Amino acid sequence: MGKAAIHPINGEERTSQLALKADQALVALAAAGDREAFRNIVDSNKQRMFTVARSVLKDAALAEDAVQESFIKAYRALNDFKGKSRLSTWLHRITYLTAIDLQRQKQRHLRLADTSYDEDLGADTNTLARSESSAERQRLQNHIDNALECLSSFELTVFTLRHMKNFKLQEIAEVVDRSEGTVKNILFRAIRKLRDQLGTEHLRLQEFEQC
């Protein structure tokens, strides 16, 4: 009888497997009614969930609502968590879909009220020019804010998660339910649009070239 092939597990794979098992154990406790376990889930994930919601909604108050609603949905669906991906990714996906729903509701209400949809883009881009002098930073900030308006909502969400919030490509792909290749193409397209809009400022986008 031939010997079974042995496939060594590297450190990263082992860490990933342990993390998935830890997620499954934590979810099992929460699903069984352990309030402390669910509080742990909330505390560990609420900030990044807010980031996901804020990237879609461009409104802090609405993003907070989306996070609260997402935790309610997640609590009710704990038994559906299978541990095939990280708990954080599962929660980010729920948050993204919840934020999309709230965005659609907001747009419907605005259309009924015959008012324009105001996308406040400044809050998430403050870190882009911290090393600049105050006057230069403000000038560049305004220029970038104007350039970001050329992106579609989906492009802006992907761009924000990657280049402003440091999500990994795989995380973004799972959150928005697209392939990594598609996400990378969207990022390149967004950068190209921004470079076209910024004109002579395009060199400042070089830090974004590595997707």
Protein backbone atom coordinates (compact mmCIF):
# COMPACT_ATOMS: atom_id res chain seq x y z
CA MET A 1 0.00 0.00 0.00
CA GLY A 2 1.39 3.33 -1.01
CA LYS A 3 2.01 6.00 1.53
CA ALA A 4 -0.50 8.81 1.71
CA ALA A 5 0.82 12.10 0.42
CA ILE A 6 1.68 14.57 3.14
CA HIS A 7 0.94 18.22 2.46
CA PRO A 8 2.72 20.45 4.97
CA ILE A 9 0.74 23.39 6.32
CA ASN A 10 2.64 26.65 6.45
CA GLY A 11 2.39 29.11 9.30
CA GLU A 12 -0.08 31.40 7.55
CA GLU A 13 -2.45 28.54 6.71
CA ARG A 14 -2.27 27.22 10.26
CA THR A 15 -3.04 30.67 11.66
CA SER A 16 -5.97 31.02 9.27
CA GLN A 17 -7.39 27.63 10.26
CA LEU A 18 -7.08 28.46 13.95
CA ALA A 19 -8.79 31.81 13.39
CA LEU A 20 -11.71 30.11 11.61
CA LYS A 21 -12.09 27.62 14.46
CA ALA A 22 -12.00 30.44 17.00
CA ASP A 23 -14.71 32.27 15.03
CA GLN A 24 -16.86 29.15 14.93
CA ALA A 25 -16.48 28.62 18.68
CA LEU A 26 -17.36 32.25 19.44
CA VAL A 27 -20.41 32.16 17.18
CA ALA A 28 -21.57 28.87 18.74
CA LEU A 29 -21.44 30.47 22.19
CA ALA A 30 -23.31 33.55 21.02
CA ALA A 31 -25.94 31.44 19.24
CA ALA A 32 -26.44 29.50 22.48
CA GLY A 33 -27.29 32.72 24.29
CA ASP A 34 -23.91 33.76 25.71
CA ARG A 35 -24.25 37.55 25.87
CA GLU A 36 -20.57 38.08 26.60
CA ALA A 37 -19.64 36.19 23.45
CA PHE A 38 -21.90 38.35 21.31
CA ARG A 39 -20.59 41.49 23.03
CA ASN A 40 -17.09 40.32 22.07
CA ILE A 41 -18.24 39.98 18.45
CA VAL A 42 -19.68 43.49 18.51
CA ASP A 43 -16.65 45.12 20.11
CA SER A 44 -14.21 43.40 17.76
CA ASN A 45 -16.02 44.27 14.53
CA LYS A 46 -18.08 47.43 14.93
CA GLN A 47 -15.38 49.87 13.82
CA ARG A 48 -14.60 48.17 10.51
CA MET A 49 -18.29 47.55 9.92
CA PHE A 50 -18.80 51.29 10.32
CA THR A 51 -16.03 51.84 7.76
CA VAL A 52 -17.83 49.60 5.26
CA ALA A 53 -21.18 51.32 5.85
CA ARG A 54 -19.64 54.80 5.72
CA SER A 55 -17.93 54.03 2.40
CA VAL A 56 -21.35 53.34 0.87
CA LEU A 57 -23.54 55.89 2.63
CA LYS A 58 -21.19 58.90 3.01
CA ASP A 59 -23.14 59.78 6.15
CA ALA A 60 -21.97 58.96 9.68
CA ALA A 61 -25.43 58.83 11.24
CA LEU A 62 -26.78 56.53 8.52
CA ALA A 63 -23.66 54.39 8.78
CA GLU A 64 -24.27 53.96 12.51
CA ASP A 65 -27.85 52.90 11.75
CA ALA A 66 -26.56 50.41 9.19
CA VAL A 67 -24.15 48.90 11.72
CA GLN A 68 -26.88 48.56 14.36
CA GLU A 69 -29.23 46.93 11.87
CA SER A 70 -26.44 44.64 10.66
CA PHE A 71 -25.75 43.36 14.18
CA ILE A 72 -29.46 42.62 14.60
CA LYS A 73 -29.46 40.69 11.33
CA ALA A 74 -26.26 38.89 12.28
CA TYR A 75 -27.61 37.87 15.68
CA ARG A 76 -30.70 36.40 14.09
CA ALA A 77 -28.59 34.52 11.56
CA LEU A 78 -25.83 33.19 13.83
CA ASN A 79 -26.89 29.61 13.17
CA ASP A 80 -26.35 30.24 9.44
CA PHE A 81 -22.66 31.04 9.92
CA LYS A 82 -20.74 28.04 8.57
CA GLY A 83 -17.19 29.23 9.14
CA LYS A 84 -16.17 29.03 5.48
CA SER A 85 -14.83 32.58 5.74
CA ARG A 86 -13.82 34.75 8.67
CA LEU A 87 -16.57 36.01 10.93
CA SER A 88 -15.43 39.57 10.21
CA THR A 89 -15.88 39.04 6.46
CA TRP A 90 -19.36 37.60 7.03
CA LEU A 91 -20.28 40.66 9.10
CA HIS A 92 -18.76 43.06 6.55
CA ARG A 93 -20.89 41.44 3.83
CA ILE A 94 -24.07 41.85 5.90
CA THR A 95 -23.13 45.47 6.57
CA TYR A 96 -22.43 46.20 2.91
CA LEU A 97 -25.81 44.84 1.81
CA THR A 98 -27.60 46.67 4.63
CA ALA A 99 -25.89 49.93 3.67
CA ILE A 100 -26.86 49.44 0.02
CA ASP A 101 -30.50 49.01 1.09
CA LEU A 102 -30.37 52.16 3.22
CA GLN A 103 -28.74 54.07 0.37
CA ARG A 104 -31.56 53.05 -1.98
CA GLN A 105 -34.16 54.12 0.59
CA LYS A 106 -32.40 57.45 1.01
CA GLN A 107 -32.27 58.04 -2.73
CA ARG A 108 -35.98 57.21 -3.09
CA HIS A 109 -36.85 59.66 -0.34
CA LEU A 110 -34.70 62.35 -1.91
CA ARG A 111 -36.32 61.84 -5.30
CA LEU A 112 -39.75 62.14 -3.75
CA ALA A 113 -38.69 65.34 -2.02
CA ASP A 114 -37.16 66.62 -5.30
CA THR A 115 -33.84 67.39 -3.64
CA SER A 116 -30.32 66.68 -4.76
CA TYR A 117 -28.25 63.80 -3.39
CA ASP A 118 -25.33 65.27 -1.50
CA GLU A 119 -22.28 63.03 -1.19
CA ASP A 120 -20.04 64.27 1.59
CA LEU A 121 -16.65 62.89 0.58
CA GLY A 122 -14.30 64.92 2.70
CA ALA A 123 -14.23 62.96 5.94
CA ASP A 124 -12.60 59.83 4.52
CA THR A 125 -9.78 61.55 2.68
CA ASN A 126 -8.15 63.53 5.48
CA THR A 127 -5.20 61.15 5.70
CA LEU A 128 -4.18 61.64 2.07
CA ALA A 129 -2.23 64.83 2.68
CA ARG A 130 -1.15 64.94 6.34
CA SER A 131 2.48 65.53 5.45
CA GLU A 132 1.65 68.69 3.50
CA SER A 133 1.64 72.21 4.93
CA SER A 134 -1.74 73.42 6.16
CA ALA A 135 -2.51 75.59 3.14
CA GLU A 136 -1.25 73.01 0.65
CA ARG A 137 -3.12 70.25 2.45
CA GLN A 138 -6.41 72.14 2.24
CA ARG A 139 -5.89 72.98 -1.42
CA LEU A 140 -5.08 69.40 -2.29
CA GLN A 141 -7.93 68.13 -0.11
CA ASN A 142 -10.43 70.24 -2.03
CA HIS A 143 -8.96 69.07 -5.33
CA ILE A 144 -9.19 65.42 -4.29
CA ASP A 145 -12.75 65.84 -2.99
CA ASN A 146 -13.80 67.23 -6.35
CA ALA A 147 -11.99 64.43 -8.19
CA LEU A 148 -13.64 61.72 -6.09
CA GLU A 149 -17.03 62.91 -7.28
CA CYS A 150 -16.21 61.48 -10.71
CA LEU A 151 -16.29 57.93 -9.30
CA SER A 152 -19.40 55.82 -9.27
CA SER A 153 -20.71 54.78 -5.85
CA PHE A 154 -19.32 51.28 -6.33
CA GLU A 155 -15.90 52.51 -7.47
CA LEU A 156 -15.73 54.87 -4.52
CA THR A 157 -16.63 52.11 -2.07
CA VAL A 158 -13.92 49.78 -3.40
CA PHE A 159 -11.37 52.60 -3.58
CA THR A 160 -12.14 53.74 -0.02
CA LEU A 161 -11.91 50.26 1.48
CA ARG A 162 -8.59 49.53 -0.24
CA HIS A 163 -6.65 52.79 -0.21
CA MET A 164 -8.12 54.65 2.74
CA LYS A 165 -8.99 51.79 5.09
CA ASN A 166 -6.39 49.18 4.06
CA PHE A 167 -8.76 46.29 3.40
CA LYS A 168 -7.11 43.41 1.56
CA LEU A 169 -8.23 42.64 -1.99
CA GLN A 170 -9.67 39.31 -0.88
CA GLU A 171 -11.65 41.00 1.90
CA ILE A 172 -13.10 43.56 -0.50
CA ALA A 173 -13.94 40.86 -3.03
CA GLU A 174 -15.87 38.89 -0.43
CA VAL A 175 -17.63 41.98 0.91
CA VAL A 176 -18.86 43.19 -2.49
CA ASP A 177 -19.29 39.67 -3.90
CA ARG A 178 -16.90 40.07 -6.82
CA SER A 179 -13.70 38.28 -7.85
CA GLU A 180 -10.33 39.70 -6.81
CA GLY A 181 -9.57 40.32 -10.47
CA THR A 182 -12.74 42.39 -10.83
CA VAL A 183 -11.91 44.37 -7.70
CA LYS A 184 -8.42 45.07 -9.01
CA ASN A 185 -9.83 46.24 -12.35
CA ILE A 186 -12.24 48.56 -10.55
CA LEU A 187 -9.36 50.01 -8.55
CA PHE A 188 -7.29 50.65 -11.66
CA ARG A 189 -10.31 52.26 -13.34
CA ALA A 190 -10.93 54.47 -10.31
CA ILE A 191 -7.28 55.54 -10.19
CA ARG A 192 -7.32 56.33 -13.92
CA LYS A 193 -10.42 58.48 -13.48
CA LEU A 194 -8.88 60.29 -10.53
CA ARG A 195 -5.64 60.89 -12.44
CA ASP A 196 -7.60 62.37 -15.34
CA GLN A 197 -9.52 64.63 -12.99
CA LEU A 198 -6.48 65.73 -10.99
CA GLY A 199 -4.43 66.60 -14.06
CA THR A 200 -1.04 67.90 -12.90
CA GLU A 201 -1.71 66.48 -9.45
CA HIS A 202 -1.65 62.92 -10.80
CA LEU A 203 1.77 62.26 -9.32
CA ARG A 204 0.16 62.39 -5.90
CA LEU A 205 -1.73 59.26 -6.79
CA GLN A 206 1.43 57.21 -7.22
CA GLU A 207 1.06 55.86 -3.69
CA PHE A 208 -2.17 54.19 -4.84
CA GLU A 209 -0.67 52.39 -7.81
CA GLN A 210 0.10 49.18 -5.92
CA CYS A 211 -3.30 47.51 -5.58
